[in-house]
Amino acid sequence: MAEPKGMKYEDRQQASAAAKKAMLERFKPKPSVTDPDLEARKAAAAAELEAVRAARNAEREAKRAAAAEAERLRLEDEAITQEARELDLRARQKEARDLRYAARKQKRK
């Protein structure tokens, strides 16, 4: 393999090492300016986020409570309706039984 003009093996090695070093430098974190209010802003943002979460959780709990109350009322109404049906059925059965008894008594006379 022919060497480029003026390039020896050591020169190529140094160029390769410099290229690798430059590539690694691109991925290193850049020094940043530290903001004195950064911690305060982070704390305020965290507090705001916590307040929003608490409000959202309170809203969810309120919805759950309302849904549970609605379900309880529905079940209570259903139980009352079922009880009314049973009372109506018993009254109709008693009436039919009384009619049969009266018919039997009438037949004997």
PDB file of N, CA and C in Angstrom:
ATOM      1  N   MET A   1       0.839  -1.165   0.000  1.00  0.00           N
ATOM      2  CA  MET A   1       0.000   0.000   0.000  1.00  0.00           C
ATOM      3  C   MET A   1       0.895   1.243   0.000  1.00  0.00           C
ATOM      4  N   ALA A   2       0.544   2.138  -0.832  1.00  0.00           N
ATOM      5  CA  ALA A   2       1.360   3.344  -0.960  1.00  0.00           C
ATOM      6  C   ALA A   2       0.965   4.357   0.092  1.00  0.00           C
ATOM      7  N   GLU A   3       1.937   5.002   0.655  1.00  0.00           N
ATOM      8  CA  GLU A   3       1.674   6.002   1.677  1.00  0.00           C
ATOM      9  C   GLU A   3       1.374   7.338   1.022  1.00  0.00           C
ATOM     10  N   PRO A   4       0.432   8.097   1.616  1.00  0.00           N
ATOM     11  CA  PRO A   4       0.195   9.438   1.076  1.00  0.00           C
ATOM     12  C   PRO A   4       1.443  10.296   1.279  1.00  0.00           C
ATOM     13  N   LYS A   5       1.519  11.353   0.499  1.00  0.00           N
ATOM     14  CA  LYS A   5       2.698  12.211   0.580  1.00  0.00           C
ATOM     15  C   LYS A   5       2.877  12.758   1.995  1.00  0.00           C
ATOM     16  N   GLY A   6       4.009  12.565   2.539  1.00  0.00           N
ATOM     17  CA  GLY A   6       4.372  13.134   3.817  1.00  0.00           C
ATOM     18  C   GLY A   6       3.704  12.468   5.008  1.00  0.00           C
ATOM     19  N   MET A   7       2.934  11.412   4.830  1.00  0.00           N
ATOM     20  CA  MET A   7       2.241  10.749   5.933  1.00  0.00           C
ATOM     21  C   MET A   7       2.983   9.465   6.257  1.00  0.00           C
ATOM     22  N   LYS A   8       3.358   9.353   7.472  1.00  0.00           N
ATOM     23  CA  LYS A   8       3.969   8.121   7.923  1.00  0.00           C
ATOM     24  C   LYS A   8       2.963   7.430   8.835  1.00  0.00           C
ATOM     25  N   TYR A   9       3.277   6.238   9.272  1.00  0.00           N
ATOM     26  CA  TYR A   9       2.381   5.439  10.111  1.00  0.00           C
ATOM     27  C   TYR A   9       2.045   6.188  11.400  1.00  0.00           C
ATOM     28  N   GLU A  10       3.030   6.803  12.013  1.00  0.00           N
ATOM     29  CA  GLU A  10       2.806   7.517  13.253  1.00  0.00           C
ATOM     30  C   GLU A  10       1.873   8.712  13.049  1.00  0.00           C
ATOM     31  N   ASP A  11       2.024   9.378  11.914  1.00  0.00           N
ATOM     32  CA  ASP A  11       1.158  10.524  11.609  1.00  0.00           C
ATOM     33  C   ASP A  11      -0.299  10.067  11.470  1.00  0.00           C
ATOM     34  N   ARG A  12      -0.495   8.955  10.787  1.00  0.00           N
ATOM     35  CA  ARG A  12      -1.863   8.425  10.610  1.00  0.00           C
ATOM     36  C   ARG A  12      -2.450   8.017  11.958  1.00  0.00           C
ATOM     37  N   GLN A  13      -1.628   7.409  12.831  1.00  0.00           N
ATOM     38  CA  GLN A  13      -2.090   7.012  14.147  1.00  0.00           C
ATOM     39  C   GLN A  13      -2.506   8.238  14.961  1.00  0.00           C
ATOM     40  N   GLN A  14      -1.705   9.281  14.896  1.00  0.00           N
ATOM     41  CA  GLN A  14      -2.028  10.502  15.632  1.00  0.00           C
ATOM     42  C   GLN A  14      -3.308  11.144  15.080  1.00  0.00           C
ATOM     43  N   ALA A  15      -3.477  11.146  13.782  1.00  0.00           N
ATOM     44  CA  ALA A  15      -4.684  11.715  13.170  1.00  0.00           C
ATOM     45  C   ALA A  15      -5.913  10.909  13.572  1.00  0.00           C
ATOM     46  N   SER A  16      -5.763   9.594  13.597  1.00  0.00           N
ATOM     47  CA  SER A  16      -6.878   8.728  13.998  1.00  0.00           C
ATOM     48  C   SER A  16      -7.234   8.965  15.467  1.00  0.00           C
ATOM     49  N   ALA A  17      -6.217   9.068  16.319  1.00  0.00           N
ATOM     50  CA  ALA A  17      -6.462   9.313  17.738  1.00  0.00           C
ATOM     51  C   ALA A  17      -7.133  10.675  17.941  1.00  0.00           C
ATOM     52  N   ALA A  18      -6.697  11.672  17.190  1.00  0.00           N
ATOM     53  CA  ALA A  18      -7.295  13.013  17.297  1.00  0.00           C
ATOM     54  C   ALA A  18      -8.747  12.984  16.830  1.00  0.00           C
ATOM     55  N   ALA A  19      -9.042  12.227  15.782  1.00  0.00           N
ATOM     56  CA  ALA A  19     -10.415  12.123  15.286  1.00  0.00           C
ATOM     57  C   ALA A  19     -11.296  11.427  16.313  1.00  0.00           C
ATOM     58  N   LYS A  20     -10.792  10.359  16.928  1.00  0.00           N
ATOM     59  CA  LYS A  20     -11.559   9.654  17.966  1.00  0.00           C
ATOM     60  C   LYS A  20     -11.813  10.564  19.164  1.00  0.00           C
ATOM     61  N   LYS A  21     -10.793  11.318  19.534  1.00  0.00           N
ATOM     62  CA  LYS A  21     -10.934  12.223  20.670  1.00  0.00           C
ATOM     63  C   LYS A  21     -11.974  13.304  20.376  1.00  0.00           C
ATOM     64  N   ALA A  22     -11.953  13.823  19.152  1.00  0.00           N
ATOM     65  CA  ALA A  22     -12.928  14.844  18.758  1.00  0.00           C
ATOM     66  C   ALA A  22     -14.340  14.261  18.766  1.00  0.00           C
ATOM     67  N   MET A  23     -14.467  13.032  18.319  1.00  0.00           N
ATOM     68  CA  MET A  23     -15.781  12.384  18.297  1.00  0.00           C
ATOM     69  C   MET A  23     -16.296  12.175  19.730  1.00  0.00           C
ATOM     70  N   LEU A  24     -15.404  11.763  20.637  1.00  0.00           N
ATOM     71  CA  LEU A  24     -15.807  11.584  22.034  1.00  0.00           C
ATOM     72  C   LEU A  24     -16.181  12.909  22.687  1.00  0.00           C
ATOM     73  N   GLU A  25     -15.501  13.970  22.322  1.00  0.00           N
ATOM     74  CA  GLU A  25     -15.791  15.292  22.875  1.00  0.00           C
ATOM     75  C   GLU A  25     -17.217  15.742  22.515  1.00  0.00           C
ATOM     76  N   ARG A  26     -17.700  15.310  21.374  1.00  0.00           N
ATOM     77  CA  ARG A  26     -19.059  15.691  20.965  1.00  0.00           C
ATOM     78  C   ARG A  26     -20.100  15.134  21.930  1.00  0.00           C
ATOM     79  N   PHE A  27     -19.823  13.970  22.515  1.00  0.00           N
ATOM     80  CA  PHE A  27     -20.803  13.311  23.380  1.00  0.00           C
ATOM     81  C   PHE A  27     -20.646  13.646  24.857  1.00  0.00           C
ATOM     82  N   LYS A  28     -19.603  14.340  25.223  1.00  0.00           N
ATOM     83  CA  LYS A  28     -19.418  14.727  26.617  1.00  0.00           C
ATOM     84  C   LYS A  28     -20.408  15.835  26.957  1.00  0.00           C
ATOM     85  N   PRO A  29     -20.888  15.848  28.199  1.00  0.00           N
ATOM     86  CA  PRO A  29     -21.824  16.921  28.570  1.00  0.00           C
ATOM     87  C   PRO A  29     -21.124  18.271  28.536  1.00  0.00           C
ATOM     88  N   LYS A  30     -21.844  19.224  28.053  1.00  0.00           N
ATOM     89  CA  LYS A  30     -21.292  20.579  27.944  1.00  0.00           C
ATOM     90  C   LYS A  30     -21.415  21.258  29.319  1.00  0.00           C
ATOM     91  N   PRO A  31     -20.450  22.044  29.675  1.00  0.00           N
ATOM     92  CA  PRO A  31     -20.578  22.773  30.943  1.00  0.00           C
ATOM     93  C   PRO A  31     -21.715  23.780  30.809  1.00  0.00           C
ATOM     94  N   SER A  32     -22.547  23.834  31.845  1.00  0.00           N
ATOM     95  CA  SER A  32     -23.684  24.748  31.774  1.00  0.00           C
ATOM     96  C   SER A  32     -23.557  25.819  32.835  1.00  0.00           C
ATOM     97  N   VAL A  33     -24.282  26.865  32.617  1.00  0.00           N
ATOM     98  CA  VAL A  33     -24.289  27.964  33.574  1.00  0.00           C
ATOM     99  C   VAL A  33     -25.281  27.574  34.672  1.00  0.00           C
ATOM    100  N   THR A  34     -24.852  27.640  35.907  1.00  0.00           N
ATOM    101  CA  THR A  34     -25.743  27.287  37.001  1.00  0.00           C
ATOM    102  C   THR A  34     -26.610  28.484  37.349  1.00  0.00           C
ATOM    103  N   ASP A  35     -27.891  28.260  37.368  1.00  0.00           N
ATOM    104  CA  ASP A  35     -28.856  29.307  37.681  1.00  0.00           C
ATOM    105  C   ASP A  35     -29.135  29.272  39.176  1.00  0.00           C
ATOM    106  N   PRO A  36     -28.983  30.368  39.871  1.00  0.00           N
ATOM    107  CA  PRO A  36     -29.211  30.355  41.317  1.00  0.00           C
ATOM    108  C   PRO A  36     -30.683  30.078  41.666  1.00  0.00           C
ATOM    109  N   ASP A  37     -31.589  30.398  40.781  1.00  0.00           N
ATOM    110  CA  ASP A  37     -33.014  30.189  41.038  1.00  0.00           C
ATOM    111  C   ASP A  37     -33.498  28.832  40.553  1.00  0.00           C
ATOM    112  N   LEU A  38     -32.602  28.019  40.033  1.00  0.00           N
ATOM    113  CA  LEU A  38     -33.004  26.732  39.456  1.00  0.00           C
ATOM    114  C   LEU A  38     -33.659  25.839  40.493  1.00  0.00           C
ATOM    115  N   GLU A  39     -33.060  25.718  41.658  1.00  0.00           N
ATOM    116  CA  GLU A  39     -33.609  24.861  42.709  1.00  0.00           C
ATOM    117  C   GLU A  39     -34.979  25.363  43.164  1.00  0.00           C
ATOM    118  N   ALA A  40     -35.119  26.668  43.279  1.00  0.00           N
ATOM    119  CA  ALA A  40     -36.396  27.249  43.700  1.00  0.00           C
ATOM    120  C   ALA A  40     -37.471  26.974  42.651  1.00  0.00           C
ATOM    121  N   ARG A  41     -37.110  27.124  41.371  1.00  0.00           N
ATOM    122  CA  ARG A  41     -38.084  26.851  40.298  1.00  0.00           C
ATOM    123  C   ARG A  41     -38.461  25.381  40.265  1.00  0.00           C
ATOM    124  N   LYS A  42     -37.462  24.496  40.475  1.00  0.00           N
ATOM    125  CA  LYS A  42     -37.758  23.063  40.500  1.00  0.00           C
ATOM    126  C   LYS A  42     -38.694  22.728  41.654  1.00  0.00           C
ATOM    127  N   ALA A  43     -38.439  23.327  42.815  1.00  0.00           N
ATOM    128  CA  ALA A  43     -39.288  23.078  43.981  1.00  0.00           C
ATOM    129  C   ALA A  43     -40.701  23.603  43.736  1.00  0.00           C
ATOM    130  N   ALA A  44     -40.810  24.774  43.111  1.00  0.00           N
ATOM    131  CA  ALA A  44     -42.129  25.346  42.816  1.00  0.00           C
ATOM    132  C   ALA A  44     -42.867  24.469  41.808  1.00  0.00           C
ATOM    133  N   ALA A  45     -42.157  23.993  40.800  1.00  0.00           N
ATOM    134  CA  ALA A  45     -42.783  23.129  39.799  1.00  0.00           C
ATOM    135  C   ALA A  45     -43.234  21.817  40.433  1.00  0.00           C
ATOM    136  N   ALA A  46     -42.412  21.265  41.323  1.00  0.00           N
ATOM    137  CA  ALA A  46     -42.781  20.023  42.007  1.00  0.00           C
ATOM    138  C   ALA A  46     -44.000  20.241  42.899  1.00  0.00           C
ATOM    139  N   ALA A  47     -44.049  21.385  43.585  1.00  0.00           N
ATOM    140  CA  ALA A  47     -45.199  21.691  44.449  1.00  0.00           C
ATOM    141  C   ALA A  47     -46.460  21.860  43.617  1.00  0.00           C
ATOM    142  N   GLU A  48     -46.331  22.539  42.496  1.00  0.00           N
ATOM    143  CA  GLU A  48     -47.477  22.724  41.601  1.00  0.00           C
ATOM    144  C   GLU A  48     -47.968  21.385  41.067  1.00  0.00           C
ATOM    145  N   LEU A  49     -47.033  20.537  40.669  1.00  0.00           N
ATOM    146  CA  LEU A  49     -47.388  19.214  40.168  1.00  0.00           C
ATOM    147  C   LEU A  49     -48.086  18.396  41.248  1.00  0.00           C
ATOM    148  N   GLU A  50     -47.584  18.483  42.461  1.00  0.00           N
ATOM    149  CA  GLU A  50     -48.203  17.758  43.586  1.00  0.00           C
ATOM    150  C   GLU A  50     -49.609  18.278  43.852  1.00  0.00           C
ATOM    151  N   ALA A  51     -49.796  19.586  43.745  1.00  0.00           N
ATOM    152  CA  ALA A  51     -51.125  20.168  43.952  1.00  0.00           C
ATOM    153  C   ALA A  51     -52.094  19.699  42.869  1.00  0.00           C
ATOM    154  N   VAL A  52     -51.622  19.663  41.635  1.00  0.00           N
ATOM    155  CA  VAL A  52     -52.471  19.185  40.526  1.00  0.00           C
ATOM    156  C   VAL A  52     -52.822  17.719  40.739  1.00  0.00           C
ATOM    157  N   ARG A  53     -51.846  16.923  41.149  1.00  0.00           N
ATOM    158  CA  ARG A  53     -52.114  15.499  41.407  1.00  0.00           C
ATOM    159  C   ARG A  53     -53.125  15.326  42.536  1.00  0.00           C
ATOM    160  N   ALA A  54     -52.952  16.105  43.597  1.00  0.00           N
ATOM    161  CA  ALA A  54     -53.874  16.016  44.736  1.00  0.00           C
ATOM    162  C   ALA A  54     -55.290  16.400  44.308  1.00  0.00           C
ATOM    163  N   ALA A  55     -55.403  17.453  43.507  1.00  0.00           N
ATOM    164  CA  ALA A  55     -56.726  17.869  43.022  1.00  0.00           C
ATOM    165  C   ALA A  55     -57.339  16.783  42.147  1.00  0.00           C
ATOM    166  N   ARG A  56     -56.533  16.198  41.272  1.00  0.00           N
ATOM    167  CA  ARG A  56     -57.017  15.133  40.392  1.00  0.00           C
ATOM    168  C   ARG A  56     -57.451  13.919  41.205  1.00  0.00           C
ATOM    169  N   ASN A  57     -56.664  13.562  42.217  1.00  0.00           N
ATOM    170  CA  ASN A  57     -57.028  12.430  43.071  1.00  0.00           C
ATOM    171  C   ASN A  57     -58.303  12.716  43.855  1.00  0.00           C
ATOM    172  N   ALA A  58     -58.453  13.947  44.340  1.00  0.00           N
ATOM    173  CA  ALA A  58     -59.669  14.318  45.071  1.00  0.00           C
ATOM    174  C   ALA A  58     -60.884  14.237  44.150  1.00  0.00           C
ATOM    175  N   GLU A  59     -60.699  14.681  42.913  1.00  0.00           N
ATOM    176  CA  GLU A  59     -61.787  14.609  41.935  1.00  0.00           C
ATOM    177  C   GLU A  59     -62.160  13.153  41.648  1.00  0.00           C
ATOM    178  N   ARG A  60     -61.160  12.303  41.501  1.00  0.00           N
ATOM    179  CA  ARG A  60     -61.427  10.881  41.266  1.00  0.00           C
ATOM    180  C   ARG A  60     -62.176  10.256  42.441  1.00  0.00           C
ATOM    181  N   GLU A  61     -61.734  10.593  43.661  1.00  0.00           N
ATOM    182  CA  GLU A  61     -62.397  10.060  44.854  1.00  0.00           C
ATOM    183  C   GLU A  61     -63.841  10.538  44.930  1.00  0.00           C
ATOM    184  N   ALA A  62     -64.065  11.797  44.573  1.00  0.00           N
ATOM    185  CA  ALA A  62     -65.431  12.331  44.583  1.00  0.00           C
ATOM    186  C   ALA A  62     -66.297  11.591  43.568  1.00  0.00           C
ATOM    187  N   LYS A  63     -65.730  11.322  42.385  1.00  0.00           N
ATOM    188  CA  LYS A  63     -66.482  10.582  41.357  1.00  0.00           C
ATOM    189  C   LYS A  63     -66.775   9.169  41.834  1.00  0.00           C
ATOM    190  N   ARG A  64     -65.793   8.533  42.474  1.00  0.00           N
ATOM    191  CA  ARG A  64     -66.002   7.182  42.990  1.00  0.00           C
ATOM    192  C   ARG A  64     -67.094   7.169  44.051  1.00  0.00           C
ATOM    193  N   ALA A  65     -67.043   8.165  44.935  1.00  0.00           N
ATOM    194  CA  ALA A  65     -68.054   8.241  45.997  1.00  0.00           C
ATOM    195  C   ALA A  65     -69.441   8.469  45.403  1.00  0.00           C
ATOM    196  N   ALA A  66     -69.520   9.347  44.404  1.00  0.00           N
ATOM    197  CA  ALA A  66     -70.809   9.613  43.761  1.00  0.00           C
ATOM    198  C   ALA A  66     -71.319   8.363  43.056  1.00  0.00           C
ATOM    199  N   ALA A  67     -70.425   7.645  42.392  1.00  0.00           N
ATOM    200  CA  ALA A  67     -70.825   6.417  41.698  1.00  0.00           C
ATOM    201  C   ALA A  67     -71.274   5.361  42.704  1.00  0.00           C
ATOM    202  N   ALA A  68     -70.568   5.263  43.830  1.00  0.00           N
ATOM    203  CA  ALA A  68     -70.949   4.292  44.858  1.00  0.00           C
ATOM    204  C   ALA A  68     -72.305   4.650  45.448  1.00  0.00           C
ATOM    205  N   GLU A  69     -72.542   5.932  45.665  1.00  0.00           N
ATOM    206  CA  GLU A  69     -73.833   6.379  46.200  1.00  0.00           C
ATOM    207  C   GLU A  69     -74.952   6.105  45.196  1.00  0.00           C
ATOM    208  N   ALA A  70     -74.694   6.371  43.927  1.00  0.00           N
ATOM    209  CA  ALA A  70     -75.689   6.104  42.888  1.00  0.00           C
ATOM    210  C   ALA A  70     -75.995   4.609  42.815  1.00  0.00           C
ATOM    211  N   GLU A  71     -74.971   3.791  42.920  1.00  0.00           N
ATOM    212  CA  GLU A  71     -75.167   2.338  42.888  1.00  0.00           C
ATOM    213  C   GLU A  71     -75.963   1.883  44.107  1.00  0.00           C
ATOM    214  N   ARG A  72     -75.658   2.464  45.284  1.00  0.00           N
ATOM    215  CA  ARG A  72     -76.394   2.112  46.495  1.00  0.00           C
ATOM    216  C   ARG A  72     -77.867   2.490  46.361  1.00  0.00           C
ATOM    217  N   LEU A  73     -78.112   3.698  45.819  1.00  0.00           N
ATOM    218  CA  LEU A  73     -79.494   4.126  45.623  1.00  0.00           C
ATOM    219  C   LEU A  73     -80.218   3.241  44.619  1.00  0.00           C
ATOM    220  N   ARG A  74     -79.515   2.857  43.561  1.00  0.00           N
ATOM    221  CA  ARG A  74     -80.122   1.990  42.550  1.00  0.00           C
ATOM    222  C   ARG A  74     -80.485   0.639  43.154  1.00  0.00           C
ATOM    223  N   LEU A  75     -79.578   0.080  43.943  1.00  0.00           N
ATOM    224  CA  LEU A  75     -79.847  -1.207  44.577  1.00  0.00           C
ATOM    225  C   LEU A  75     -80.986  -1.098  45.588  1.00  0.00           C
ATOM    226  N   GLU A  76     -81.002   0.012  46.317  1.00  0.00           N
ATOM    227  CA  GLU A  76     -82.079   0.232  47.283  1.00  0.00           C
ATOM    228  C   GLU A  76     -83.418   0.344  46.568  1.00  0.00           C
ATOM    229  N   ASP A  77     -83.457   1.094  45.482  1.00  0.00           N
ATOM    230  CA  ASP A  77     -84.676   1.244  44.690  1.00  0.00           C
ATOM    231  C   ASP A  77     -85.102  -0.105  44.107  1.00  0.00           C
ATOM    232  N   GLU A  78     -84.132  -0.863  43.644  1.00  0.00           N
ATOM    233  CA  GLU A  78     -84.417  -2.187  43.090  1.00  0.00           C
ATOM    234  C   GLU A  78     -85.000  -3.100  44.171  1.00  0.00           C
ATOM    235  N   ALA A  79     -84.440  -3.022  45.388  1.00  0.00           N
ATOM    236  CA  ALA A  79     -84.942  -3.840  46.489  1.00  0.00           C
ATOM    237  C   ALA A  79     -86.371  -3.439  46.848  1.00  0.00           C
ATOM    238  N   ILE A  80     -86.642  -2.135  46.869  1.00  0.00           N
ATOM    239  CA  ILE A  80     -87.999  -1.657  47.164  1.00  0.00           C
ATOM    240  C   ILE A  80     -88.964  -2.116  46.079  1.00  0.00           C
ATOM    241  N   THR A  81     -88.545  -2.026  44.837  1.00  0.00           N
ATOM    242  CA  THR A  81     -89.394  -2.463  43.719  1.00  0.00           C
ATOM    243  C   THR A  81     -89.659  -3.960  43.825  1.00  0.00           C
ATOM    244  N   GLN A  82     -88.636  -4.729  44.130  1.00  0.00           N
ATOM    245  CA  GLN A  82     -88.799  -6.183  44.269  1.00  0.00           C
ATOM    246  C   GLN A  82     -89.748  -6.498  45.420  1.00  0.00           C
ATOM    247  N   GLU A  83     -89.600  -5.782  46.518  1.00  0.00           N
ATOM    248  CA  GLU A  83     -90.474  -5.993  47.665  1.00  0.00           C
ATOM    249  C   GLU A  83     -91.921  -5.656  47.301  1.00  0.00           C
ATOM    250  N   ALA A  84     -92.107  -4.560  46.554  1.00  0.00           N
ATOM    251  CA  ALA A  84     -93.460  -4.173  46.130  1.00  0.00           C
ATOM    252  C   ALA A  84     -94.056  -5.244  45.224  1.00  0.00           C
ATOM    253  N   ARG A  85     -93.244  -5.801  44.324  1.00  0.00           N
ATOM    254  CA  ARG A  85     -93.733  -6.882  43.449  1.00  0.00           C
ATOM    255  C   ARG A  85     -94.158  -8.093  44.262  1.00  0.00           C
ATOM    256  N   GLU A  86     -93.341  -8.444  45.252  1.00  0.00           N
ATOM    257  CA  GLU A  86     -93.663  -9.604  46.084  1.00  0.00           C
ATOM    258  C   GLU A  86     -94.950  -9.379  46.872  1.00  0.00           C
ATOM    259  N   LEU A  87     -95.113  -8.162  47.422  1.00  0.00           N
ATOM    260  CA  LEU A  87     -96.343  -7.849  48.153  1.00  0.00           C
ATOM    261  C   LEU A  87     -97.558  -7.910  47.235  1.00  0.00           C
ATOM    262  N   ASP A  88     -97.393  -7.377  46.015  1.00  0.00           N
ATOM    263  CA  ASP A  88     -98.484  -7.422  45.038  1.00  0.00           C
ATOM    264  C   ASP A  88     -98.820  -8.864  44.675  1.00  0.00           C
ATOM    265  N   LEU A  89     -97.803  -9.691  44.482  1.00  0.00           N
ATOM    266  CA  LEU A  89     -98.020 -11.099  44.146  1.00  0.00           C
ATOM    267  C   LEU A  89     -98.739 -11.813  45.283  1.00  0.00           C
ATOM    268  N   ARG A  90     -98.288 -11.570  46.515  1.00  0.00           N
ATOM    269  CA  ARG A  90     -98.952 -12.198  47.665  1.00  0.00           C
ATOM    270  C   ARG A  90    -100.411 -11.755  47.770  1.00  0.00           C
ATOM    271  N   ALA A  91    -100.673 -10.463  47.531  1.00  0.00           N
ATOM    272  CA  ALA A  91    -102.045  -9.957  47.610  1.00  0.00           C
ATOM    273  C   ALA A  91    -102.917 -10.622  46.532  1.00  0.00           C
ATOM    274  N   ARG A  92    -102.374 -10.740  45.308  1.00  0.00           N
ATOM    275  CA  ARG A  92    -103.146 -11.404  44.238  1.00  0.00           C
ATOM    276  C   ARG A  92    -103.373 -12.876  44.556  1.00  0.00           C
ATOM    277  N   GLN A  93    -102.350 -13.542  45.108  1.00  0.00           N
ATOM    278  CA  GLN A  93    -102.515 -14.952  45.468  1.00  0.00           C
ATOM    279  C   GLN A  93    -103.559 -15.112  46.573  1.00  0.00           C
ATOM    280  N   LYS A  94    -103.538 -14.212  47.568  1.00  0.00           N
ATOM    281  CA  LYS A  94    -104.522 -14.263  48.645  1.00  0.00           C
ATOM    282  C   LYS A  94    -105.927 -14.026  48.101  1.00  0.00           C
ATOM    283  N   GLU A  95    -106.021 -13.061  47.202  1.00  0.00           N
ATOM    284  CA  GLU A  95    -107.323 -12.769  46.607  1.00  0.00           C
ATOM    285  C   GLU A  95    -107.840 -13.985  45.834  1.00  0.00           C
ATOM    286  N   ALA A  96    -106.985 -14.629  45.065  1.00  0.00           N
ATOM    287  CA  ALA A  96    -107.386 -15.819  44.305  1.00  0.00           C
ATOM    288  C   ALA A  96    -107.765 -16.942  45.268  1.00  0.00           C
ATOM    289  N   ARG A  97    -107.002 -17.100  46.336  1.00  0.00           N
ATOM    290  CA  ARG A  97    -107.313 -18.131  47.323  1.00  0.00           C
ATOM    291  C   ARG A  97    -108.661 -17.841  47.994  1.00  0.00           C
ATOM    292  N   ASP A  98    -108.904 -16.582  48.340  1.00  0.00           N
ATOM    293  CA  ASP A  98    -110.175 -16.216  48.958  1.00  0.00           C
ATOM    294  C   ASP A  98    -111.337 -16.471  48.000  1.00  0.00           C
ATOM    295  N   LEU A  99    -111.131 -16.170  46.716  1.00  0.00           N
ATOM    296  CA  LEU A  99    -112.191 -16.419  45.726  1.00  0.00           C
ATOM    297  C   LEU A  99    -112.477 -17.920  45.609  1.00  0.00           C
ATOM    298  N   ARG A 100    -111.430 -18.729  45.612  1.00  0.00           N
ATOM    299  CA  ARG A 100    -111.640 -20.178  45.534  1.00  0.00           C
ATOM    300  C   ARG A 100    -112.379 -20.675  46.773  1.00  0.00           C
ATOM    301  N   TYR A 101    -111.986 -20.170  47.923  1.00  0.00           N
ATOM    302  CA  TYR A 101    -112.629 -20.566  49.171  1.00  0.00           C
ATOM    303  C   TYR A 101    -114.101 -20.150  49.156  1.00  0.00           C
ATOM    304  N   ALA A 102    -114.380 -18.921  48.700  1.00  0.00           N
ATOM    305  CA  ALA A 102    -115.760 -18.439  48.634  1.00  0.00           C
ATOM    306  C   ALA A 102    -116.564 -19.275  47.644  1.00  0.00           C
ATOM    307  N   ALA A 103    -115.938 -19.656  46.509  1.00  0.00           N
ATOM    308  CA  ALA A 103    -116.635 -20.474  45.517  1.00  0.00           C
ATOM    309  C   ALA A 103    -116.934 -21.858  46.088  1.00  0.00           C
ATOM    310  N   ARG A 104    -116.015 -22.409  46.855  1.00  0.00           N
ATOM    311  CA  ARG A 104    -116.224 -23.711  47.451  1.00  0.00           C
ATOM    312  C   ARG A 104    -117.380 -23.636  48.476  1.00  0.00           C
ATOM    313  N   LYS A 105    -117.399 -22.579  49.271  1.00  0.00           N
ATOM    314  CA  LYS A 105    -118.463 -22.388  50.261  1.00  0.00           C
ATOM    315  C   LYS A 105    -119.799 -22.223  49.554  1.00  0.00           C
ATOM    316  N   GLN A 106    -119.794 -21.495  48.437  1.00  0.00           N
ATOM    317  CA  GLN A 106    -121.022 -21.261  47.679  1.00  0.00           C
ATOM    318  C   GLN A 106    -121.542 -22.567  47.109  1.00  0.00           C
ATOM    319  N   LYS A 107    -120.649 -23.405  46.707  1.00  0.00           N
ATOM    320  CA  LYS A 107    -120.999 -24.693  46.103  1.00  0.00           C
ATOM    321  C   LYS A 107    -121.699 -25.594  47.155  1.00  0.00           C
ATOM    322  N   ARG A 108    -121.239 -25.515  48.403  1.00  0.00           N
ATOM    323  CA  ARG A 108    -121.800 -26.351  49.467  1.00  0.00           C
ATOM    324  C   ARG A 108    -123.226 -25.941  49.811  1.00  0.00           C
ATOM    325  N   LYS A 109    -123.565 -24.731  49.654  1.00  0.00           N
ATOM    326  CA  LYS A 109    -124.896 -24.250  50.037  1.00  0.00           C
ATOM    327  C   LYS A 109    -125.934 -24.640  49.077  1.00  0.00           C
TER     328      LYS A 109
END
